Amino acid sequence: MFGPGTYSEREVLVGHLEEHLDALRAAAHGLTEEQARATPCRSSLSVGGLVKHVAHVLGGRLVADGAPTPEDRARFEASFALGDDETLAGAVADLDRVRAELLDRWRTTDPGGDALEPPAPWFGRPEPTPSVERYRMVHLVTEVARHAGHADIVREQLDGASSTSLLAAVEGWPANDFVQPWRPPEEA
C-alpha cells in the first residue's frame, strides 16, 4: 500500500499507479481460468479481461501512430476479454512486463515536461493535442484506478473476496482485527 509521506510529485504519481496496479493484479489472485473469464455482473467485464485491457493500455497500444485505424479499434475492443488462446497467467505476465517498463519511464519523467496527447476521436479530439506529462500521468492513474475498481466488483461477485483480503494474501500480511488474508475455499 502507498502510505502517506513527504514525496515528490513524481513519487506520488508513481506510488498511486503502483497501488492501483497491485489491487488489479490481486483481483486475479487464486482464480481459475473459468473464474477469470466469468462475467457475473450485467456488463461483459471479467477479471481476466480487465487485466488484459490494462496491459494493453499501459503498453501504449491504443493507437498506432496518428488517428486510430479500424485495426486499432478492433484491438482495443478485443483487449477487454481473454481470447480462446490466452490464459490469465499470460495476461498477468504481460501486465507485469508493461508495468515494469512504464514505471521505469515514470521514475525519470518530469511531470511538467511537454507531451503530445494522441487523437481521441471518441472524445471529439481528432488531432493530437499539446499537453504536459502530468496530464498523461494523472489520466493513466485515473484509468487504472477505474479498472481496478471494476475488477474488485467482479471479484466480489465471483467469491466475495475483498481487495484488502486479496492484497493481504498476495503480500503476506499477517491477519489483524481489520483484515484476514484471503484463502481458497478449501483452506478457509
C-alpha atoms as a PDB file:
ATOM      1  CA  MET A   1       0.000   0.000   0.000  1.00  0.00           C
ATOM      2  CA  PHE A   2       1.175   3.508  -0.798  1.00  0.00           C
ATOM      3  CA  GLY A   3       1.016   5.330   2.508  1.00  0.00           C
ATOM      4  CA  PRO A   4       1.275   8.975   3.446  1.00  0.00           C
ATOM      5  CA  GLY A   5       4.655  10.642   3.491  1.00  0.00           C
ATOM      6  CA  THR A   6       6.662  13.522   2.117  1.00  0.00           C
ATOM      7  CA  TYR A   7       7.059  12.685  -1.556  1.00  0.00           C
ATOM      8  CA  SER A   8       7.835  14.499  -4.756  1.00  0.00           C
ATOM      9  CA  GLU A   9       5.006  14.909  -7.246  1.00  0.00           C
ATOM     10  CA  ARG A  10       6.501  12.147  -9.404  1.00  0.00           C
ATOM     11  CA  GLU A  11       6.769   9.785  -6.423  1.00  0.00           C
ATOM     12  CA  VAL A  12       3.103  10.388  -5.579  1.00  0.00           C
ATOM     13  CA  LEU A  13       2.012   9.618  -9.148  1.00  0.00           C
ATOM     14  CA  VAL A  14       4.195   6.503  -9.355  1.00  0.00           C
ATOM     15  CA  GLY A  15       3.070   5.351  -5.891  1.00  0.00           C
ATOM     16  CA  HIS A  16      -0.623   5.700  -6.662  1.00  0.00           C
ATOM     17  CA  LEU A  17      -0.268   3.949 -10.011  1.00  0.00           C
ATOM     18  CA  GLU A  18       1.574   1.063  -8.337  1.00  0.00           C
ATOM     19  CA  GLU A  19      -1.114   0.825  -5.653  1.00  0.00           C
ATOM     20  CA  HIS A  20      -3.928   0.533  -8.202  1.00  0.00           C
ATOM     21  CA  LEU A  21      -1.952  -1.958 -10.289  1.00  0.00           C
ATOM     22  CA  ASP A  22      -1.368  -4.043  -7.158  1.00  0.00           C
ATOM     23  CA  ALA A  23      -5.122  -4.049  -6.496  1.00  0.00           C
ATOM     24  CA  LEU A  24      -5.913  -5.050 -10.081  1.00  0.00           C
ATOM     25  CA  ARG A  25      -3.358  -7.847 -10.000  1.00  0.00           C
ATOM     26  CA  ALA A  26      -4.639  -9.021  -6.600  1.00  0.00           C
ATOM     27  CA  ALA A  27      -8.168  -9.301  -8.028  1.00  0.00           C
ATOM     28  CA  ALA A  28      -6.828 -12.134 -10.201  1.00  0.00           C
ATOM     29  CA  HIS A  29      -5.165 -13.951  -7.276  1.00  0.00           C
ATOM     30  CA  GLY A  30      -6.349 -17.528  -6.855  1.00  0.00           C
ATOM     31  CA  LEU A  31      -8.810 -17.517  -9.760  1.00  0.00           C
ATOM     32  CA  THR A  32      -9.298 -20.463 -12.083  1.00  0.00           C
ATOM     33  CA  GLU A  33      -9.344 -19.863 -15.836  1.00  0.00           C
ATOM     34  CA  GLU A  34     -13.122 -20.223 -15.760  1.00  0.00           C
ATOM     35  CA  GLN A  35     -13.459 -17.649 -12.979  1.00  0.00           C
ATOM     36  CA  ALA A  36     -11.046 -15.270 -14.749  1.00  0.00           C
ATOM     37  CA  ARG A  37     -13.366 -15.287 -17.788  1.00  0.00           C
ATOM     38  CA  ALA A  38     -16.630 -15.116 -15.837  1.00  0.00           C
ATOM     39  CA  THR A  39     -18.843 -12.052 -16.252  1.00  0.00           C
ATOM     40  CA  PRO A  40     -21.067 -12.168 -13.143  1.00  0.00           C
ATOM     41  CA  CYS A  41     -22.348  -8.600 -13.484  1.00  0.00           C
ATOM     42  CA  ARG A  42     -24.610  -7.117 -16.147  1.00  0.00           C
ATOM     43  CA  SER A  43     -21.591  -5.926 -18.145  1.00  0.00           C
ATOM     44  CA  SER A  44     -19.215  -8.094 -20.146  1.00  0.00           C
ATOM     45  CA  LEU A  45     -16.281  -7.323 -17.828  1.00  0.00           C
ATOM     46  CA  SER A  46     -14.218 -10.158 -16.392  1.00  0.00           C
ATOM     47  CA  VAL A  47     -11.167 -10.031 -14.150  1.00  0.00           C
ATOM     48  CA  GLY A  48      -9.027 -11.632 -16.857  1.00  0.00           C
ATOM     49  CA  GLY A  49     -10.307  -9.186 -19.453  1.00  0.00           C
ATOM     50  CA  LEU A  50      -9.602  -6.216 -17.198  1.00  0.00           C
ATOM     51  CA  VAL A  51      -6.041  -7.397 -16.579  1.00  0.00           C
ATOM     52  CA  LYS A  52      -5.546  -7.834 -20.329  1.00  0.00           C
ATOM     53  CA  HIS A  53      -7.080  -4.436 -21.097  1.00  0.00           C
ATOM     54  CA  VAL A  54      -4.941  -2.542 -18.594  1.00  0.00           C
ATOM     55  CA  ALA A  55      -1.824  -4.228 -20.002  1.00  0.00           C
ATOM     56  CA  HIS A  56      -2.989  -3.114 -23.463  1.00  0.00           C
ATOM     57  CA  VAL A  57      -3.396   0.483 -22.291  1.00  0.00           C
ATOM     58  CA  LEU A  58      -0.152   0.591 -20.260  1.00  0.00           C
ATOM     59  CA  GLY A  59       1.708  -0.733 -23.265  1.00  0.00           C
ATOM     60  CA  GLY A  60       0.590   2.318 -25.244  1.00  0.00           C
ATOM     61  CA  ARG A  61      -1.336   0.178 -27.677  1.00  0.00           C
ATOM     62  CA  LEU A  62      -4.433   2.356 -28.012  1.00  0.00           C
ATOM     63  CA  VAL A  63      -3.444   3.748 -31.390  1.00  0.00           C
ATOM     64  CA  ALA A  64      -0.503   3.054 -33.645  1.00  0.00           C
ATOM     65  CA  ASP A  65       0.570   6.462 -34.971  1.00  0.00           C
ATOM     66  CA  GLY A  66      -1.812   9.282 -35.775  1.00  0.00           C
ATOM     67  CA  ALA A  67      -5.539   8.715 -35.977  1.00  0.00           C
ATOM     68  CA  PRO A  68      -6.896   5.348 -34.799  1.00  0.00           C
ATOM     69  CA  THR A  69      -7.436   2.831 -37.567  1.00  0.00           C
ATOM     70  CA  PRO A  70     -10.164   0.180 -37.743  1.00  0.00           C
ATOM     71  CA  GLU A  71      -7.460  -2.299 -36.654  1.00  0.00           C
ATOM     72  CA  ASP A  72      -6.661  -0.151 -33.593  1.00  0.00           C
ATOM     73  CA  ARG A  73     -10.342  -0.167 -32.657  1.00  0.00           C
ATOM     74  CA  ALA A  74     -10.591  -3.932 -33.142  1.00  0.00           C
ATOM     75  CA  ARG A  75      -7.527  -4.492 -30.923  1.00  0.00           C
ATOM     76  CA  PHE A  76      -8.968  -2.123 -28.313  1.00  0.00           C
ATOM     77  CA  GLU A  77     -12.320  -3.939 -28.243  1.00  0.00           C
ATOM     78  CA  ALA A  78     -10.585  -7.334 -28.096  1.00  0.00           C
ATOM     79  CA  SER A  79      -8.467  -6.150 -25.156  1.00  0.00           C
ATOM     80  CA  PHE A  80     -11.462  -6.448 -22.803  1.00  0.00           C
ATOM     81  CA  ALA A  81     -11.645 -10.254 -22.922  1.00  0.00           C
ATOM     82  CA  LEU A  82      -9.236 -13.154 -22.837  1.00  0.00           C
ATOM     83  CA  GLY A  83      -9.156 -14.893 -26.213  1.00  0.00           C
ATOM     84  CA  ASP A  84      -9.508 -18.647 -26.591  1.00  0.00           C
ATOM     85  CA  ASP A  85      -5.730 -18.975 -26.917  1.00  0.00           C
ATOM     86  CA  GLU A  86      -4.961 -16.718 -23.927  1.00  0.00           C
ATOM     87  CA  THR A  87      -4.649 -17.501 -20.226  1.00  0.00           C
ATOM     88  CA  LEU A  88      -4.951 -15.473 -17.059  1.00  0.00           C
ATOM     89  CA  ALA A  89      -1.308 -16.260 -16.256  1.00  0.00           C
ATOM     90  CA  GLY A  90      -0.285 -14.908 -19.665  1.00  0.00           C
ATOM     91  CA  ALA A  91      -2.317 -11.726 -19.158  1.00  0.00           C
ATOM     92  CA  VAL A  92      -0.783 -11.195 -15.706  1.00  0.00           C
ATOM     93  CA  ALA A  93       2.716 -11.761 -17.125  1.00  0.00           C
ATOM     94  CA  ASP A  94       2.002  -9.198 -19.870  1.00  0.00           C
ATOM     95  CA  LEU A  95       0.709  -6.753 -17.239  1.00  0.00           C
ATOM     96  CA  ASP A  96       3.846  -7.275 -15.134  1.00  0.00           C
ATOM     97  CA  ARG A  97       6.101  -6.651 -18.145  1.00  0.00           C
ATOM     98  CA  VAL A  98       4.435  -3.435 -19.344  1.00  0.00           C
ATOM     99  CA  ARG A  99       4.043  -2.254 -15.753  1.00  0.00           C
ATOM    100  CA  ALA A 100       7.793  -2.524 -15.149  1.00  0.00           C
ATOM    101  CA  GLU A 101       8.567  -0.694 -18.405  1.00  0.00           C
ATOM    102  CA  LEU A 102       6.100   2.115 -17.680  1.00  0.00           C
ATOM    103  CA  LEU A 103       7.180   2.603 -14.067  1.00  0.00           C
ATOM    104  CA  ASP A 104      10.827   2.730 -15.141  1.00  0.00           C
ATOM    105  CA  ARG A 105       9.922   5.573 -17.539  1.00  0.00           C
ATOM    106  CA  TRP A 106       7.763   7.372 -14.987  1.00  0.00           C
ATOM    107  CA  ARG A 107      10.527   7.346 -12.366  1.00  0.00           C
ATOM    108  CA  THR A 108      12.538   9.687 -14.613  1.00  0.00           C
ATOM    109  CA  THR A 109       9.671  11.648 -16.202  1.00  0.00           C
ATOM    110  CA  ASP A 110       9.283  15.330 -15.402  1.00  0.00           C
ATOM    111  CA  PRO A 111       5.546  15.818 -14.746  1.00  0.00           C
ATOM    112  CA  GLY A 112       5.869  19.373 -16.098  1.00  0.00           C
ATOM    113  CA  GLY A 113       7.525  18.226 -19.309  1.00  0.00           C
ATOM    114  CA  ASP A 114       5.912  18.716 -22.699  1.00  0.00           C
ATOM    115  CA  ALA A 115       3.743  15.914 -24.092  1.00  0.00           C
ATOM    116  CA  LEU A 116       1.574  15.339 -27.125  1.00  0.00           C
ATOM    117  CA  GLU A 117      -1.675  13.526 -26.492  1.00  0.00           C
ATOM    118  CA  PRO A 118      -2.714  11.285 -29.382  1.00  0.00           C
ATOM    119  CA  PRO A 119      -6.038  11.844 -31.126  1.00  0.00           C
ATOM    120  CA  ALA A 120      -9.097  10.623 -29.229  1.00  0.00           C
ATOM    121  CA  PRO A 121     -11.981  10.846 -31.699  1.00  0.00           C
ATOM    122  CA  TRP A 122     -14.248   9.064 -29.211  1.00  0.00           C
ATOM    123  CA  PHE A 123     -13.935  12.259 -27.112  1.00  0.00           C
ATOM    124  CA  GLY A 124     -14.197  14.614 -30.101  1.00  0.00           C
ATOM    125  CA  ARG A 125     -10.420  15.175 -30.407  1.00  0.00           C
ATOM    126  CA  PRO A 126      -9.489  14.101 -33.948  1.00  0.00           C
ATOM    127  CA  GLU A 127      -6.000  15.637 -33.816  1.00  0.00           C
ATOM    128  CA  PRO A 128      -3.031  15.293 -31.431  1.00  0.00           C
ATOM    129  CA  THR A 129      -3.187  17.820 -28.568  1.00  0.00           C
ATOM    130  CA  PRO A 130      -0.224  19.554 -26.902  1.00  0.00           C
ATOM    131  CA  SER A 131      -0.208  18.799 -23.181  1.00  0.00           C
ATOM    132  CA  VAL A 132       2.130  18.074 -20.263  1.00  0.00           C
ATOM    133  CA  GLU A 133       3.308  14.761 -18.845  1.00  0.00           C
ATOM    134  CA  ARG A 134       1.364  15.486 -15.628  1.00  0.00           C
ATOM    135  CA  TYR A 135      -1.903  15.234 -17.582  1.00  0.00           C
ATOM    136  CA  ARG A 136      -0.881  11.879 -19.059  1.00  0.00           C
ATOM    137  CA  MET A 137       0.217  10.533 -15.707  1.00  0.00           C
ATOM    138  CA  VAL A 138      -2.883  11.600 -13.788  1.00  0.00           C
ATOM    139  CA  HIS A 139      -5.109  10.366 -16.608  1.00  0.00           C
ATOM    140  CA  LEU A 140      -3.475   6.938 -16.537  1.00  0.00           C
ATOM    141  CA  VAL A 141      -3.701   6.702 -12.728  1.00  0.00           C
ATOM    142  CA  THR A 142      -7.418   7.502 -13.072  1.00  0.00           C
ATOM    143  CA  GLU A 143      -7.956   4.884 -15.770  1.00  0.00           C
ATOM    144  CA  VAL A 144      -6.126   2.153 -13.860  1.00  0.00           C
ATOM    145  CA  ALA A 145      -7.991   3.036 -10.649  1.00  0.00           C
ATOM    146  CA  ARG A 146     -11.301   2.804 -12.505  1.00  0.00           C
ATOM    147  CA  HIS A 147     -10.464  -0.633 -13.895  1.00  0.00           C
ATOM    148  CA  ALA A 148      -9.064  -1.876 -10.579  1.00  0.00           C
ATOM    149  CA  GLY A 149     -12.417  -0.895  -9.060  1.00  0.00           C
ATOM    150  CA  HIS A 150     -14.243  -2.794 -11.802  1.00  0.00           C
ATOM    151  CA  ALA A 151     -12.091  -5.839 -11.037  1.00  0.00           C
ATOM    152  CA  ASP A 152     -12.919  -5.509  -7.306  1.00  0.00           C
ATOM    153  CA  ILE A 153     -16.634  -5.613  -8.064  1.00  0.00           C
ATOM    154  CA  VAL A 154     -16.345  -8.551 -10.461  1.00  0.00           C
ATOM    155  CA  ARG A 155     -14.188 -10.476  -7.980  1.00  0.00           C
ATOM    156  CA  GLU A 156     -16.605  -9.813  -5.112  1.00  0.00           C
ATOM    157  CA  GLN A 157     -19.402 -11.194  -7.268  1.00  0.00           C
ATOM    158  CA  LEU A 158     -17.369 -14.323  -8.018  1.00  0.00           C
ATOM    159  CA  ASP A 159     -16.458 -15.381  -4.487  1.00  0.00           C
ATOM    160  CA  GLY A 160     -16.948 -12.478  -2.087  1.00  0.00           C
ATOM    161  CA  ALA A 161     -13.212 -11.751  -1.817  1.00  0.00           C
ATOM    162  CA  SER A 162     -12.349  -8.143  -0.972  1.00  0.00           C
ATOM    163  CA  SER A 163      -9.432  -6.206  -2.395  1.00  0.00           C
ATOM    164  CA  THR A 164      -7.843  -5.795   1.033  1.00  0.00           C
ATOM    165  CA  SER A 165      -8.036  -9.508   1.894  1.00  0.00           C
ATOM    166  CA  LEU A 166      -6.604 -10.379  -1.529  1.00  0.00           C
ATOM    167  CA  LEU A 167      -3.766  -7.863  -1.120  1.00  0.00           C
ATOM    168  CA  ALA A 168      -3.073  -9.302   2.339  1.00  0.00           C
ATOM    169  CA  ALA A 169      -2.802 -12.780   0.821  1.00  0.00           C
ATOM    170  CA  VAL A 170      -0.607 -11.676  -2.079  1.00  0.00           C
ATOM    171  CA  GLU A 171       1.683  -9.519   0.074  1.00  0.00           C
ATOM    172  CA  GLY A 172       1.813 -11.943   3.020  1.00  0.00           C
ATOM    173  CA  TRP A 173       0.366  -9.510   5.550  1.00  0.00           C
ATOM    174  CA  PRO A 174      -0.455 -11.029   8.919  1.00  0.00           C
ATOM    175  CA  ALA A 175      -4.102 -11.198   9.949  1.00  0.00           C
ATOM    176  CA  ASN A 176      -5.295  -8.416  12.239  1.00  0.00           C
ATOM    177  CA  ASP A 177      -8.534  -7.101  13.710  1.00  0.00           C
ATOM    178  CA  PHE A 178      -9.411  -5.399  10.408  1.00  0.00           C
ATOM    179  CA  VAL A 179      -8.405  -7.834   7.681  1.00  0.00           C
ATOM    180  CA  GLN A 180      -7.893 -11.544   7.240  1.00  0.00           C
ATOM    181  CA  PRO A 181      -5.785 -12.650   4.261  1.00  0.00           C
ATOM    182  CA  TRP A 182      -7.899 -14.387   1.601  1.00  0.00           C
ATOM    183  CA  ARG A 183      -7.604 -18.147   1.423  1.00  0.00           C
ATOM    184  CA  PRO A 184      -9.028 -20.541  -1.161  1.00  0.00           C
ATOM    185  CA  PRO A 185     -12.378 -22.019  -0.041  1.00  0.00           C
ATOM    186  CA  GLU A 186     -10.856 -25.442   0.686  1.00  0.00           C
ATOM    187  CA  GLU A 187      -8.401 -23.775   3.106  1.00  0.00           C
ATOM    188  CA  ALA A 188     -10.893 -21.439   4.769  1.00  0.00           C
END
